[in-house]
Amino acid sequence: MRLKGLSTSRLDKRLAGYTLLGAAAFTVTGIAHADDITYVPVGQTFVALGAGANYTLNLSGGTSPDFTITANGPEVSASSNNGAQILNDGGDPAALVYRALIDPAGSNWGDGGKMSEVVTGNWPDNGKSAYLGFYFVGTDGDHAGWMNISTTTLPPGAAFTINSYAFDNTPNEAITAGLDDPNPIPSPVPEPSTLSLLAMGSAGLLELRRRRRANA
């Protein structure tokens, strides 16, 4: 059977294109692999009781911490130094889902800012986790990474737990949130656009196989 207006060769090319398009939704060039990741379990909880509490992380070897995560009263904040950056969403550190892209060359990077209004903010305030995306400046370039953070509301303040963090050993390379995390945060259902691309790619692959069997 031939679709109207398309030759067999053109149809095969069109179907192959749909297949590649669907696969491209899940493929990113220049992205880290799990065997190139340094993973560090932490498991430390910090409670703010008026004076505040903070967790510092220095990966670049600078004289000051690259990152400071702080709980003080009803909110949690994150700041950075030494050229390090935190991935933001509208000025606030973004609460990333599993496999979200963290690309040092991407946009929405910025220093400091409120991480979560633990009662009304977009970071979970019930003990569940989200990923914080970051990169630090090494001697060989920018290294992307993620931090698994849980937050809770504990009157009269707030508490947060640094569950773990990881970073890419290769500079200037993208990483996905939760890569190499042995206990990854469950992802939500994929967006309809992603599902459509997957369905399009699968349908194209099946049609190509059917046509090749028919012409064999």
Protein backbone atom coordinates (compact mmCIF):
# COMPACT_ATOMS: atom_id res chain seq x y z
CA MET A 1 0.00 0.00 0.00
CA ARG A 2 1.27 3.50 -0.85
CA LEU A 3 0.18 6.64 0.92
CA LYS A 4 -1.12 9.29 -1.47
CA GLY A 5 1.52 11.80 -2.52
CA LEU A 6 4.50 9.90 -1.06
CA SER A 7 6.77 7.48 -2.90
CA THR A 8 7.98 4.37 -1.11
CA SER A 9 11.46 5.80 -0.59
CA ARG A 10 10.14 9.14 0.66
CA LEU A 11 7.72 7.38 3.00
CA ASP A 12 10.54 5.25 4.42
CA LYS A 13 12.57 8.40 5.01
CA ARG A 14 9.61 10.12 6.68
CA LEU A 15 8.99 7.12 8.96
CA ALA A 16 12.68 6.91 9.80
CA GLY A 17 12.59 10.59 10.69
CA TYR A 18 9.71 10.06 13.09
CA THR A 19 11.59 7.18 14.67
CA LEU A 20 14.71 9.29 15.18
CA LEU A 21 12.65 12.18 16.50
CA GLY A 22 11.06 9.97 19.12
CA ALA A 23 14.41 8.56 20.16
CA ALA A 24 15.93 12.06 20.33
CA ALA A 25 13.51 12.98 23.11
CA PHE A 26 15.51 10.68 25.37
CA THR A 27 19.01 11.28 23.96
CA VAL A 28 21.28 14.21 24.81
CA THR A 29 24.77 14.52 23.36
CA GLY A 30 27.65 15.42 25.65
CA ILE A 31 25.98 14.06 28.77
CA ALA A 32 27.66 12.28 31.68
CA HIS A 33 27.56 8.53 32.21
CA ALA A 34 27.21 6.86 35.59
CA ASP A 35 30.76 5.50 35.51
CA ASP A 36 32.11 9.07 35.41
CA ILE A 37 30.21 10.28 38.47
CA THR A 38 31.44 10.78 42.02
CA TYR A 39 28.57 9.94 44.39
CA VAL A 40 28.70 10.93 48.08
CA PRO A 41 26.06 9.81 50.65
CA VAL A 42 25.52 12.39 53.40
CA GLY A 43 22.38 11.77 55.47
CA GLN A 44 22.69 14.84 57.69
CA THR A 45 19.66 16.73 59.04
CA PHE A 46 19.76 20.38 60.10
CA VAL A 47 17.07 22.09 62.16
CA ALA A 48 16.65 25.86 62.40
CA LEU A 49 15.82 27.01 65.91
CA GLY A 50 16.15 30.77 65.69
CA ALA A 51 19.89 31.00 64.99
CA GLY A 52 19.65 28.93 61.82
CA ALA A 53 21.64 25.96 60.60
CA ASN A 54 23.60 25.39 57.44
CA TYR A 55 25.40 22.79 55.39
CA THR A 56 28.47 23.83 53.40
CA LEU A 57 30.08 22.06 50.48
CA ASN A 58 33.45 22.86 48.92
CA LEU A 59 34.29 20.92 45.78
CA SER A 60 36.57 23.38 43.99
CA GLY A 61 39.14 23.63 46.77
CA GLY A 62 38.67 27.37 47.15
CA THR A 63 39.11 29.30 50.39
CA SER A 64 35.35 29.52 50.97
CA PRO A 65 32.54 26.97 50.52
CA ASP A 66 31.16 26.63 47.02
CA PHE A 67 27.63 26.12 48.37
CA THR A 68 25.82 26.94 51.59
CA ILE A 69 22.39 25.46 52.29
CA THR A 70 20.65 27.24 55.18
CA ALA A 71 17.47 26.74 57.22
CA ASN A 72 16.38 29.80 59.17
CA GLY A 73 12.81 30.19 60.37
CA PRO A 74 10.17 29.29 57.78
CA GLU A 75 12.42 29.16 54.72
CA VAL A 76 15.46 27.39 53.34
CA SER A 77 17.99 29.13 51.13
CA ALA A 78 21.00 28.22 49.02
CA SER A 79 23.94 30.43 48.09
CA SER A 80 27.15 29.92 46.14
CA ASN A 81 30.70 31.28 45.93
CA ASN A 82 33.92 30.81 43.95
CA GLY A 83 32.08 31.09 40.64
CA ALA A 84 29.80 28.15 41.46
CA GLN A 85 26.18 28.40 40.34
CA ILE A 86 22.79 27.01 41.39
CA LEU A 87 20.09 26.20 38.84
CA ASN A 88 17.20 28.59 39.34
CA ASP A 89 13.56 28.83 38.38
CA GLY A 90 12.26 32.39 38.42
CA GLY A 91 15.07 33.47 40.74
CA ASP A 92 14.57 30.66 43.26
CA PRO A 93 16.65 27.47 43.25
CA ALA A 94 14.74 24.97 41.16
CA ALA A 95 13.34 21.79 42.71
CA LEU A 96 14.34 19.32 40.01
CA VAL A 97 12.78 15.95 39.24
CA TYR A 98 14.77 12.79 38.54
CA ARG A 99 16.61 12.94 35.20
CA ALA A 100 16.15 16.69 34.78
CA LEU A 101 18.98 18.12 32.68
CA ILE A 102 21.70 20.09 34.48
CA ASP A 103 23.88 21.74 31.85
CA PRO A 104 26.67 24.20 32.77
CA ALA A 105 26.22 25.81 29.35
CA GLY A 106 22.46 26.18 29.82
CA SER A 107 20.37 29.05 31.15
CA ASN A 108 18.65 29.98 34.44
CA TRP A 109 21.84 29.92 36.49
CA GLY A 110 22.23 32.40 39.34
CA ASP A 111 23.60 32.92 42.82
CA GLY A 112 21.67 32.68 46.05
CA GLY A 113 17.97 33.21 46.49
CA LYS A 114 15.23 31.54 48.43
CA MET A 115 15.19 27.79 48.04
CA SER A 116 11.78 27.15 49.52
CA GLU A 117 8.99 28.75 51.46
CA VAL A 118 8.47 25.49 53.31
CA VAL A 119 4.74 26.04 53.71
CA THR A 120 3.84 27.51 50.32
CA GLY A 121 6.95 27.00 48.21
CA ASN A 122 7.49 24.52 45.40
CA TRP A 123 10.08 22.46 47.29
CA PRO A 124 8.47 19.55 49.18
CA ASP A 125 7.82 20.44 52.83
CA ASN A 126 6.67 17.01 54.01
CA GLY A 127 9.97 15.16 54.17
CA LYS A 128 10.00 14.25 50.49
CA SER A 129 12.95 15.11 48.30
CA ALA A 130 13.87 17.07 45.20
CA TYR A 131 17.16 17.63 43.41
CA LEU A 132 19.16 20.84 43.47
CA GLY A 133 21.23 21.36 40.32
CA PHE A 134 24.61 23.05 40.49
CA TYR A 135 28.03 23.39 38.98
CA PHE A 136 31.35 24.34 40.54
CA VAL A 137 34.47 25.72 38.88
CA GLY A 138 37.38 23.29 38.85
CA THR A 139 40.88 23.87 37.53
CA ASP A 140 39.84 22.20 34.26
CA GLY A 141 36.39 23.75 33.81
CA ASP A 142 32.84 23.68 35.15
CA HIS A 143 31.64 20.45 36.76
CA ALA A 144 27.88 19.81 36.92
CA GLY A 145 26.25 18.01 39.83
CA TRP A 146 23.13 17.49 41.88
CA MET A 147 22.15 17.42 45.55
CA ASN A 148 19.29 15.31 46.96
CA ILE A 149 17.56 17.44 49.61
CA SER A 150 14.50 16.75 51.78
CA THR A 151 12.70 19.54 53.66
CA THR A 152 10.13 19.47 56.44
CA THR A 153 8.14 21.99 58.47
CA LEU A 154 9.10 21.73 62.14
CA PRO A 155 7.66 24.62 64.20
CA PRO A 156 9.04 27.01 65.21
CA GLY A 157 11.47 26.62 62.32
CA ALA A 158 12.26 24.23 59.53
CA ALA A 159 14.49 21.26 58.91
CA PHE A 160 16.28 20.00 55.87
CA THR A 161 18.22 16.83 55.18
CA ILE A 162 21.11 16.58 52.76
CA ASN A 163 20.63 13.00 51.62
CA SER A 164 23.45 12.86 49.09
CA TYR A 165 25.18 14.67 46.28
CA ALA A 166 27.07 13.76 43.14
CA PHE A 167 29.11 15.52 40.48
CA ASP A 168 30.55 14.83 37.05
CA ASN A 169 34.30 14.24 36.92
CA THR A 170 34.39 15.48 33.32
CA PRO A 171 34.28 19.28 32.97
CA ASN A 172 31.86 21.23 30.78
CA GLU A 173 29.51 18.28 30.43
CA ALA A 174 25.81 18.01 31.22
CA ILE A 175 24.46 15.68 33.87
CA THR A 176 20.95 14.49 34.75
CA ALA A 177 19.55 14.96 38.23
CA GLY A 178 19.85 11.76 40.25
CA LEU A 179 22.37 10.12 37.92
CA ASP A 180 24.05 7.31 39.90
CA ASP A 181 21.68 7.88 42.86
CA PRO A 182 21.03 4.42 44.40
CA ASN A 183 17.69 5.69 45.76
CA PRO A 184 16.40 8.01 43.04
CA ILE A 185 13.43 10.26 43.67
CA PRO A 186 10.43 8.88 41.73
CA SER A 187 9.67 10.85 38.59
CA PRO A 188 6.21 12.14 37.72
CA VAL A 189 4.35 10.89 34.65
CA PRO A 190 6.09 12.17 31.48
CA GLU A 191 4.61 15.27 29.87
CA PRO A 192 2.16 14.68 27.00
CA SER A 193 4.66 16.12 24.50
CA THR A 194 7.26 13.55 25.54
CA LEU A 195 4.72 10.74 25.38
CA SER A 196 3.68 11.89 21.90
CA LEU A 197 7.26 11.81 20.65
CA LEU A 198 7.76 8.35 22.12
CA ALA A 199 4.56 7.08 20.51
CA MET A 200 5.53 8.67 17.18
CA GLY A 201 8.96 7.06 17.27
CA SER A 202 7.56 3.65 18.22
CA ALA A 203 4.91 3.79 15.52
CA GLY A 204 7.50 4.77 12.93
CA LEU A 205 9.79 1.92 13.92
CA LEU A 206 6.97 -0.64 13.76
CA GLU A 207 5.83 0.61 10.35
CA LEU A 208 9.37 0.47 8.97
CA ARG A 209 9.75 -3.11 10.15
CA ARG A 210 6.37 -4.09 8.64
CA ARG A 211 7.21 -2.54 5.28
CA ARG A 212 10.63 -4.17 5.13
CA ARG A 213 9.15 -7.61 5.89
CA ALA A 214 6.52 -7.07 3.17
CA ASN A 215 9.16 -6.13 0.60
CA ALA A 216 11.55 -8.97 1.52
